[in-house]
Amino acid sequence: MIGESALAIWMELDPSGEEDFNGWYPRQHLPERLSVPGFLRGRRYAAIGAAPPYFTLYELADPGVLTSAPYLERLNNPTDWTRRVLPVIRRAVRNGTRRIASSAGDSVERHLLTARLVPAAGRGPAVRDWLAGAAVTTLTALPGVTSCALLEQETGGTSVMTEERRLFGGEVLGGAPFVALCELTDAAAEAGLREFWRAWGTRLAAEPTVDLYRLMYGLAWLRPDP
């Protein structure tokens, strides 16, 4: 992961407008978002198996990007194409986050496993301590995991009502208190990770929602040569 923050979005679409939406995303929406200062990289994924059909991850310089004037200006001045496709959204989970910990370096693999973590009452500090401490070493030791990022919720940037938000055709839900992202070399690693998260949830008294995704495309700023 690059940046100190991320916006994670799980999404369902009305099939009648899905083709138009899927054309808009790479041709207009993703380049537009990456034009906002502080948006470092955007990636879009399609679900494998029973999961919300699409997942998008925007990696950000810091959490303040989601409340910045340039970002809010775009949200409140949608294009005609944006106005046409946003009503296609039937259900979305938008999770603004801050990075707690992550693997050294940067790895983008063909598959990504997302885990949305909801601690039982009073267990939030214990879950955060594990994410900030042993999580990176533990997760990257699992077969097929090349890197991971551990995130905690930042609600400020996703709670603002904007013109784009008003155009959504369905409900928009707040995200989980914590999110774990695991980059996988092979989708076959999913079974072992699901079992890990099941056992982890029992041990730490937290409910994990685990989904597997395949990378569709991404866009990032090129880093200048040193």
Protein backbone atom coordinates (compact mmCIF):
# COMPACT_ATOMS: atom_id res chain seq x y z
CA MET A 1 0.00 0.00 0.00
CA ILE A 2 1.11 3.53 -0.71
CA GLY A 3 -0.04 6.57 1.28
CA GLU A 4 -1.24 6.87 4.84
CA SER A 5 -4.95 6.51 4.13
CA ALA A 6 -7.40 4.69 1.89
CA LEU A 7 -10.98 4.84 0.72
CA ALA A 8 -12.42 1.32 0.36
CA ILE A 9 -15.76 0.82 -1.42
CA TRP A 10 -17.78 -2.39 -1.79
CA MET A 11 -20.62 -2.02 -4.29
CA GLU A 12 -23.67 -3.65 -5.88
CA LEU A 13 -25.22 -2.39 -9.16
CA ASP A 14 -28.55 -2.60 -10.95
CA PRO A 15 -27.86 -5.00 -13.86
CA SER A 16 -29.84 -2.79 -16.26
CA GLY A 17 -27.19 -0.03 -16.02
CA GLU A 18 -24.12 -2.11 -15.25
CA GLU A 19 -22.59 -1.93 -18.74
CA ASP A 20 -22.77 1.87 -18.84
CA PHE A 21 -21.39 2.10 -15.29
CA ASN A 22 -18.50 -0.21 -16.16
CA GLY A 23 -17.64 1.93 -19.19
CA TRP A 24 -17.73 5.13 -17.16
CA TYR A 25 -15.48 3.90 -14.37
CA PRO A 26 -12.16 3.49 -16.25
CA ARG A 27 -12.83 6.03 -18.99
CA GLN A 28 -13.93 8.96 -16.84
CA HIS A 29 -14.30 8.29 -13.12
CA LEU A 30 -10.93 6.80 -12.25
CA PRO A 31 -8.89 9.45 -14.15
CA GLU A 32 -11.03 12.16 -12.57
CA ARG A 33 -10.39 10.87 -9.07
CA LEU A 34 -6.65 10.61 -9.71
CA SER A 35 -6.68 14.26 -10.79
CA VAL A 36 -7.53 15.24 -7.20
CA PRO A 37 -4.40 16.13 -5.19
CA GLY A 38 -3.63 13.39 -2.68
CA PHE A 39 -5.20 10.53 -4.66
CA LEU A 40 -2.14 8.35 -5.33
CA ARG A 41 -3.60 5.19 -6.86
CA GLY A 42 -6.99 3.70 -7.67
CA ARG A 43 -7.76 0.02 -8.23
CA ARG A 44 -11.02 -1.70 -9.16
CA TYR A 45 -11.84 -5.35 -8.58
CA ALA A 46 -14.53 -7.87 -9.49
CA ALA A 47 -15.76 -10.42 -6.95
CA ILE A 48 -14.90 -14.10 -6.99
CA GLY A 49 -17.67 -16.09 -5.37
CA ALA A 50 -20.35 -14.74 -3.02
CA ALA A 51 -19.29 -11.16 -2.30
CA PRO A 52 -20.40 -7.63 -3.17
CA PRO A 53 -19.78 -7.68 -6.96
CA TYR A 54 -17.27 -4.82 -7.09
CA PHE A 55 -14.57 -3.43 -4.82
CA THR A 56 -12.58 -0.21 -5.30
CA LEU A 57 -9.53 0.88 -3.35
CA TYR A 58 -8.19 4.43 -3.49
CA GLU A 59 -4.84 4.95 -1.79
CA LEU A 60 -4.45 8.47 -0.42
CA ALA A 61 -1.68 10.65 0.90
CA ASP A 62 -3.52 11.19 4.21
CA PRO A 63 -7.09 11.15 5.62
CA GLY A 64 -7.50 14.89 5.01
CA VAL A 65 -7.73 14.28 1.26
CA LEU A 66 -11.37 13.15 1.70
CA THR A 67 -12.37 16.51 3.18
CA SER A 68 -10.15 18.66 0.94
CA ALA A 69 -11.58 21.47 -1.17
CA PRO A 70 -10.54 19.91 -4.53
CA TYR A 71 -12.20 16.58 -3.67
CA LEU A 72 -15.43 18.18 -2.43
CA GLU A 73 -15.50 20.37 -5.54
CA ARG A 74 -15.55 17.25 -7.73
CA LEU A 75 -18.19 15.55 -5.56
CA ASN A 76 -20.48 18.56 -5.79
CA ASN A 77 -20.05 19.10 -9.55
CA PRO A 78 -20.63 15.71 -11.19
CA THR A 79 -20.42 15.36 -14.96
CA ASP A 80 -23.43 14.42 -17.06
CA TRP A 81 -22.15 10.86 -17.39
CA THR A 82 -21.68 10.67 -13.62
CA ARG A 83 -25.24 11.87 -13.08
CA ARG A 84 -26.47 9.15 -15.41
CA VAL A 85 -24.67 6.21 -13.82
CA LEU A 86 -24.70 6.86 -10.06
CA PRO A 87 -28.42 5.96 -9.76
CA VAL A 88 -27.39 2.45 -10.89
CA ILE A 89 -25.79 1.85 -7.48
CA ARG A 90 -28.07 -0.32 -5.35
CA ARG A 91 -25.92 -0.78 -2.25
CA ALA A 92 -22.53 0.60 -1.31
CA VAL A 93 -20.26 0.37 1.72
CA ARG A 94 -17.84 3.32 1.89
CA ASN A 95 -15.00 2.97 4.36
CA GLY A 96 -12.68 5.94 4.84
CA THR A 97 -9.60 4.69 6.69
CA ARG A 98 -6.20 5.49 8.14
CA ARG A 99 -3.32 3.04 7.87
CA ILE A 100 -2.34 1.33 11.14
CA ALA A 101 0.38 -0.93 9.73
CA SER A 102 1.44 -2.54 6.46
CA SER A 103 4.11 -4.67 4.86
CA ALA A 104 7.36 -3.03 3.87
CA GLY A 105 7.47 -2.06 0.22
CA ASP A 106 4.56 -2.13 -2.21
CA SER A 107 2.94 -5.18 -3.77
CA VAL A 108 -0.05 -5.32 -6.13
CA GLU A 109 -1.14 -8.85 -7.00
CA ARG A 110 -3.85 -10.21 -9.27
CA HIS A 111 -6.07 -11.11 -6.30
CA LEU A 112 -6.99 -9.23 -3.14
CA LEU A 113 -8.76 -10.56 -0.07
CA THR A 114 -10.63 -7.99 2.03
CA ALA A 115 -11.60 -8.57 5.66
CA ARG A 116 -13.99 -6.15 7.34
CA LEU A 117 -13.51 -6.52 11.09
CA VAL A 118 -16.18 -5.63 13.65
CA PRO A 119 -15.08 -6.22 17.28
CA ALA A 120 -17.54 -7.27 19.95
CA ALA A 121 -18.39 -4.64 22.58
CA GLY A 122 -15.26 -3.55 24.40
CA ARG A 123 -12.90 -5.52 22.17
CA GLY A 124 -11.87 -2.68 19.85
CA PRO A 125 -8.60 -1.88 21.67
CA ALA A 126 -7.50 -5.53 21.63
CA VAL A 127 -8.20 -5.82 17.90
CA ARG A 128 -6.30 -2.60 17.18
CA ASP A 129 -3.34 -3.73 19.29
CA TRP A 130 -3.12 -6.95 17.26
CA LEU A 131 -3.39 -5.09 13.94
CA ALA A 132 -0.66 -2.65 14.99
CA GLY A 133 1.54 -5.40 16.39
CA ALA A 134 1.61 -9.02 15.26
CA ALA A 135 -0.73 -8.80 12.28
CA VAL A 136 1.75 -8.02 9.48
CA THR A 137 4.14 -10.82 10.46
CA THR A 138 1.30 -13.29 11.02
CA LEU A 139 -0.56 -12.58 7.79
CA THR A 140 2.46 -12.50 5.49
CA ALA A 141 3.56 -15.88 6.88
CA LEU A 142 0.37 -17.47 5.51
CA PRO A 143 0.69 -19.33 2.18
CA GLY A 144 0.05 -17.13 -0.85
CA VAL A 145 0.07 -13.75 0.96
CA THR A 146 2.71 -11.37 -0.40
CA SER A 147 1.75 -8.26 1.56
CA CYS A 148 -0.99 -6.77 3.69
CA ALA A 149 -2.35 -3.44 4.90
CA LEU A 150 -4.23 -2.93 8.17
CA LEU A 151 -6.59 0.03 8.38
CA GLU A 152 -8.84 1.75 10.92
CA GLN A 153 -11.96 3.73 10.14
CA GLU A 154 -11.91 7.51 9.66
CA THR A 155 -15.52 8.66 9.35
CA GLY A 156 -15.04 12.37 8.65
CA GLY A 157 -14.46 12.12 4.93
CA THR A 158 -17.31 9.70 4.21
CA SER A 159 -20.03 11.35 6.32
CA VAL A 160 -20.31 14.55 4.24
CA MET A 161 -23.49 14.79 2.13
CA THR A 162 -22.56 15.83 -1.41
CA GLU A 163 -24.28 16.05 -4.78
CA GLU A 164 -22.77 12.75 -5.87
CA ARG A 165 -24.01 11.07 -2.72
CA ARG A 166 -27.55 12.33 -3.38
CA LEU A 167 -27.47 10.66 -6.81
CA PHE A 168 -26.80 7.15 -5.48
CA GLY A 169 -29.72 4.88 -6.34
CA GLY A 170 -29.57 2.78 -3.17
CA GLU A 171 -28.38 2.76 0.40
CA VAL A 172 -24.88 3.79 1.40
CA LEU A 173 -23.57 2.13 4.52
CA GLY A 174 -20.74 3.15 6.80
CA GLY A 175 -17.76 0.85 6.93
CA ALA A 176 -16.32 -1.46 9.54
CA PRO A 177 -14.11 -0.18 12.38
CA PHE A 178 -11.13 -2.06 10.91
CA VAL A 179 -10.18 -3.42 7.48
CA ALA A 180 -7.44 -5.84 6.48
CA LEU A 181 -6.27 -6.15 2.87
CA CYS A 182 -4.21 -9.16 1.80
CA GLU A 183 -2.49 -9.33 -1.60
CA LEU A 184 -2.54 -12.90 -2.96
CA THR A 185 -0.37 -14.57 -5.56
CA ASP A 186 -3.07 -17.18 -6.20
CA ALA A 187 -6.80 -17.32 -5.56
CA ALA A 188 -6.25 -20.83 -4.14
CA ALA A 189 -4.90 -19.18 -0.98
CA GLU A 190 -8.44 -18.03 -0.14
CA ALA A 191 -9.45 -21.18 1.76
CA GLY A 192 -6.56 -20.96 4.19
CA LEU A 193 -7.17 -17.26 4.78
CA ARG A 194 -10.86 -17.78 5.44
CA GLU A 195 -10.01 -20.38 8.04
CA PHE A 196 -7.46 -18.03 9.58
CA TRP A 197 -9.98 -15.21 9.90
CA ARG A 198 -12.63 -17.56 11.33
CA ALA A 199 -10.24 -18.72 14.05
CA TRP A 200 -8.98 -15.17 14.61
CA GLY A 201 -12.54 -13.88 15.11
CA THR A 202 -13.23 -16.54 17.71
CA ARG A 203 -10.02 -15.79 19.58
CA LEU A 204 -10.35 -11.98 19.62
CA ALA A 205 -14.17 -11.79 19.79
CA ALA A 206 -14.63 -10.00 16.47
CA GLU A 207 -16.74 -10.66 13.38
CA PRO A 208 -14.78 -10.79 10.08
CA THR A 209 -16.52 -10.41 6.72
CA VAL A 210 -14.13 -11.93 4.19
CA ASP A 211 -14.37 -11.45 0.40
CA LEU A 212 -12.07 -12.33 -2.51
CA TYR A 213 -11.57 -10.12 -5.56
CA ARG A 214 -9.79 -10.21 -8.92
CA LEU A 215 -8.04 -7.08 -10.18
CA MET A 216 -9.76 -5.50 -13.18
CA TYR A 217 -7.55 -2.40 -13.66
CA GLY A 218 -5.78 0.39 -11.82
CA LEU A 219 -4.34 3.86 -12.29
CA ALA A 220 -1.50 5.54 -10.40
CA TRP A 221 0.81 8.51 -10.59
CA LEU A 222 4.24 7.58 -11.89
CA ARG A 223 6.94 8.16 -9.33
CA PRO A 224 9.76 10.39 -10.57
CA ASP A 225 13.20 8.87 -10.92
CA PRO A 226 15.45 9.61 -7.91
